[in-house]
């Protein structure tokens, strides 16, 4: 009887050890997932800002060309568009800031 009891105690100890290792593995897996998700967010943010930078450069170039030609209505339209882009950039930046630090 004592041999069976000793084996049962040994099984319980091994089971507790296995449970702790499984729990540690679960936490590591969740940390890896969270890190990958935040890295994906950073990659998407970089892509968004890169696209906005390209768009703003193109708009500034068109604005310069139109200003040289003297087309005031087109210059005003483009200036309004730039204001909208800047406001969108401000909104997206605030949203991203909230995701990262909120």
C-alpha atoms as a PDB file:
ATOM      1  CA  UNK A   1       0.000   0.000   0.000  1.00  0.00           C
ATOM      2  CA  UNK A   2       2.808   2.394   0.852  1.00  0.00           C
ATOM      3  CA  UNK A   3       4.392   1.796  -2.579  1.00  0.00           C
ATOM      4  CA  UNK A   4       1.139   2.795  -4.301  1.00  0.00           C
ATOM      5  CA  UNK A   5       0.867   5.871  -2.085  1.00  0.00           C
ATOM      6  CA  UNK A   6       4.460   6.902  -2.917  1.00  0.00           C
ATOM      7  CA  UNK A   7       3.784   6.534  -6.628  1.00  0.00           C
ATOM      8  CA  UNK A   8       0.595   8.554  -6.307  1.00  0.00           C
ATOM      9  CA  UNK A   9       2.525  11.326  -4.535  1.00  0.00           C
ATOM     10  CA  UNK A  10       5.195  11.197  -7.237  1.00  0.00           C
ATOM     11  CA  UNK A  11       2.532  11.416  -9.957  1.00  0.00           C
ATOM     12  CA  UNK A  12       0.933  14.391  -8.201  1.00  0.00           C
ATOM     13  CA  UNK A  13       4.303  16.164  -7.978  1.00  0.00           C
ATOM     14  CA  UNK A  14       5.040  15.498 -11.654  1.00  0.00           C
ATOM     15  CA  UNK A  15       1.553  16.663 -12.609  1.00  0.00           C
ATOM     16  CA  UNK A  16       2.016  19.906 -10.652  1.00  0.00           C
ATOM     17  CA  UNK A  17       5.384  20.457 -12.356  1.00  0.00           C
ATOM     18  CA  UNK A  18       3.849  19.824 -15.770  1.00  0.00           C
ATOM     19  CA  UNK A  19       1.023  22.231 -14.980  1.00  0.00           C
ATOM     20  CA  UNK A  20       3.510  24.976 -14.078  1.00  0.00           C
ATOM     21  CA  UNK A  21       5.498  24.399 -17.262  1.00  0.00           C
ATOM     22  CA  UNK A  22       2.327  24.475 -19.358  1.00  0.00           C
ATOM     23  CA  UNK A  23       1.260  27.724 -17.714  1.00  0.00           C
ATOM     24  CA  UNK A  24       4.689  29.268 -18.361  1.00  0.00           C
ATOM     25  CA  UNK A  25       4.532  28.172 -22.011  1.00  0.00           C
ATOM     26  CA  UNK A  26       1.065  29.719 -22.347  1.00  0.00           C
ATOM     27  CA  UNK A  27       2.325  33.052 -20.979  1.00  0.00           C
ATOM     28  CA  UNK A  28       5.322  33.000 -23.320  1.00  0.00           C
ATOM     29  CA  UNK A  29       3.047  32.281 -26.285  1.00  0.00           C
ATOM     30  CA  UNK A  30       0.752  35.166 -25.344  1.00  0.00           C
ATOM     31  CA  UNK A  31       3.741  37.508 -24.988  1.00  0.00           C
ATOM     32  CA  UNK A  32       4.999  36.491 -28.437  1.00  0.00           C
ATOM     33  CA  UNK A  33       1.532  37.090 -29.908  1.00  0.00           C
ATOM     34  CA  UNK A  34       1.269  40.533 -28.284  1.00  0.00           C
ATOM     35  CA  UNK A  35       4.725  41.463 -29.529  1.00  0.00           C
ATOM     36  CA  UNK A  36       3.903  40.333 -33.080  1.00  0.00           C
ATOM     37  CA  UNK A  37       0.630  42.275 -33.012  1.00  0.00           C
ATOM     38  CA  UNK A  38       2.356  45.474 -31.840  1.00  0.00           C
ATOM     39  CA  UNK A  39       5.041  45.002 -34.509  1.00  0.00           C
ATOM     40  CA  UNK A  40       2.307  44.658 -37.137  1.00  0.00           C
ATOM     41  CA  UNK A  41       0.743  47.890 -35.851  1.00  0.00           C
ATOM     42  CA  UNK A  42       4.094  49.651 -36.148  1.00  0.00           C
ATOM     43  CA  UNK A  43       4.576  48.341 -39.695  1.00  0.00           C
ATOM     44  CA  UNK A  44       1.109  49.558 -40.696  1.00  0.00           C
ATOM     45  CA  UNK A  45       1.794  52.943 -39.106  1.00  0.00           C
ATOM     46  CA  UNK A  46       5.033  53.259 -41.035  1.00  0.00           C
ATOM     47  CA  UNK A  47       3.228  52.423 -44.275  1.00  0.00           C
ATOM     48  CA  UNK A  48       0.469  54.977 -43.583  1.00  0.00           C
ATOM     49  CA  UNK A  49       2.954  57.761 -42.899  1.00  0.00           C
ATOM     50  CA  UNK A  50       5.003  56.825 -45.951  1.00  0.00           C
ATOM     51  CA  UNK A  51       1.910  57.013 -48.176  1.00  0.00           C
ATOM     52  CA  UNK A  52       0.878  60.333 -46.642  1.00  0.00           C
ATOM     53  CA  UNK A  53       4.360  61.732 -47.162  1.00  0.00           C
ATOM     54  CA  UNK A  54       4.261  60.771 -50.841  1.00  0.00           C
ATOM     55  CA  UNK A  55       0.799  62.302 -51.239  1.00  0.00           C
ATOM     56  CA  UNK A  56       1.823  65.547 -49.550  1.00  0.00           C
ATOM     57  CA  UNK A  57       4.942  65.838 -51.720  1.00  0.00           C
ATOM     58  CA  UNK A  58       2.859  65.348 -54.855  1.00  0.00           C
ATOM     59  CA  UNK A  59       0.297  67.900 -53.711  1.00  0.00           C
ATOM     60  CA  UNK A  60       2.994  70.428 -52.877  1.00  0.00           C
ATOM     61  CA  UNK A  61       4.519  69.936 -56.320  1.00  0.00           C
ATOM     62  CA  UNK A  62       1.155  70.480 -58.021  1.00  0.00           C
ATOM     63  CA  UNK A  63       0.514  73.547 -55.866  1.00  0.00           C
ATOM     64  CA  UNK A  64       3.876  74.991 -56.885  1.00  0.00           C
ATOM     65  CA  UNK A  65       3.179  74.352 -60.574  1.00  0.00           C
ATOM     66  CA  UNK A  66      -0.258  75.949 -60.384  1.00  0.00           C
ATOM     67  CA  UNK A  67       1.073  78.941 -58.482  1.00  0.00           C
ATOM     68  CA  UNK A  68       3.632  79.514 -61.230  1.00  0.00           C
ATOM     69  CA  UNK A  69       0.882  79.384 -63.863  1.00  0.00           C
ATOM     70  CA  UNK A  70      -1.287  81.844 -61.959  1.00  0.00           C
ATOM     71  CA  UNK A  71      -4.418  79.654 -61.715  1.00  0.00           C
ATOM     72  CA  UNK A  72      -5.791  81.059 -58.441  1.00  0.00           C
ATOM     73  CA  UNK A  73      -8.914  78.867 -58.257  1.00  0.00           C
ATOM     74  CA  UNK A  74      -6.876  75.696 -58.639  1.00  0.00           C
ATOM     75  CA  UNK A  75      -4.383  76.932 -56.042  1.00  0.00           C
ATOM     76  CA  UNK A  76      -7.214  77.552 -53.561  1.00  0.00           C
ATOM     77  CA  UNK A  77      -8.696  74.101 -54.233  1.00  0.00           C
ATOM     78  CA  UNK A  78      -5.359  72.439 -53.676  1.00  0.00           C
ATOM     79  CA  UNK A  79      -4.693  74.500 -50.554  1.00  0.00           C
ATOM     80  CA  UNK A  80      -8.068  73.350 -49.205  1.00  0.00           C
ATOM     81  CA  UNK A  81      -7.124  69.781 -50.025  1.00  0.00           C
ATOM     82  CA  UNK A  82      -3.862  70.196 -48.147  1.00  0.00           C
ATOM     83  CA  UNK A  83      -5.751  71.489 -45.122  1.00  0.00           C
ATOM     84  CA  UNK A  84      -7.957  68.385 -45.247  1.00  0.00           C
ATOM     85  CA  UNK A  85      -4.901  66.126 -45.530  1.00  0.00           C
ATOM     86  CA  UNK A  86      -3.239  67.843 -42.569  1.00  0.00           C
ATOM     87  CA  UNK A  87      -6.402  67.460 -40.489  1.00  0.00           C
ATOM     88  CA  UNK A  88      -6.606  63.768 -41.433  1.00  0.00           C
ATOM     89  CA  UNK A  89      -2.945  63.360 -40.525  1.00  0.00           C
ATOM     90  CA  UNK A  90      -3.640  64.970 -37.152  1.00  0.00           C
ATOM     91  CA  UNK A  91      -6.623  62.665 -36.589  1.00  0.00           C
ATOM     92  CA  UNK A  92      -4.740  59.507 -37.619  1.00  0.00           C
ATOM     93  CA  UNK A  93      -1.738  60.546 -35.504  1.00  0.00           C
ATOM     94  CA  UNK A  94      -3.991  61.000 -32.481  1.00  0.00           C
ATOM     95  CA  UNK A  95      -5.597  57.619 -33.112  1.00  0.00           C
ATOM     96  CA  UNK A  96      -2.207  55.908 -33.395  1.00  0.00           C
ATOM     97  CA  UNK A  97      -0.936  57.729 -30.299  1.00  0.00           C
ATOM     98  CA  UNK A  98      -3.993  56.447 -28.429  1.00  0.00           C
ATOM     99  CA  UNK A  99      -3.305  52.875 -29.584  1.00  0.00           C
ATOM    100  CA  UNK A 100       0.330  52.953 -28.568  1.00  0.00           C
ATOM    101  CA  UNK A 101       0.157  54.932 -25.337  1.00  0.00           C
ATOM    102  CA  UNK A 102      -3.525  54.908 -24.383  1.00  0.00           C
END
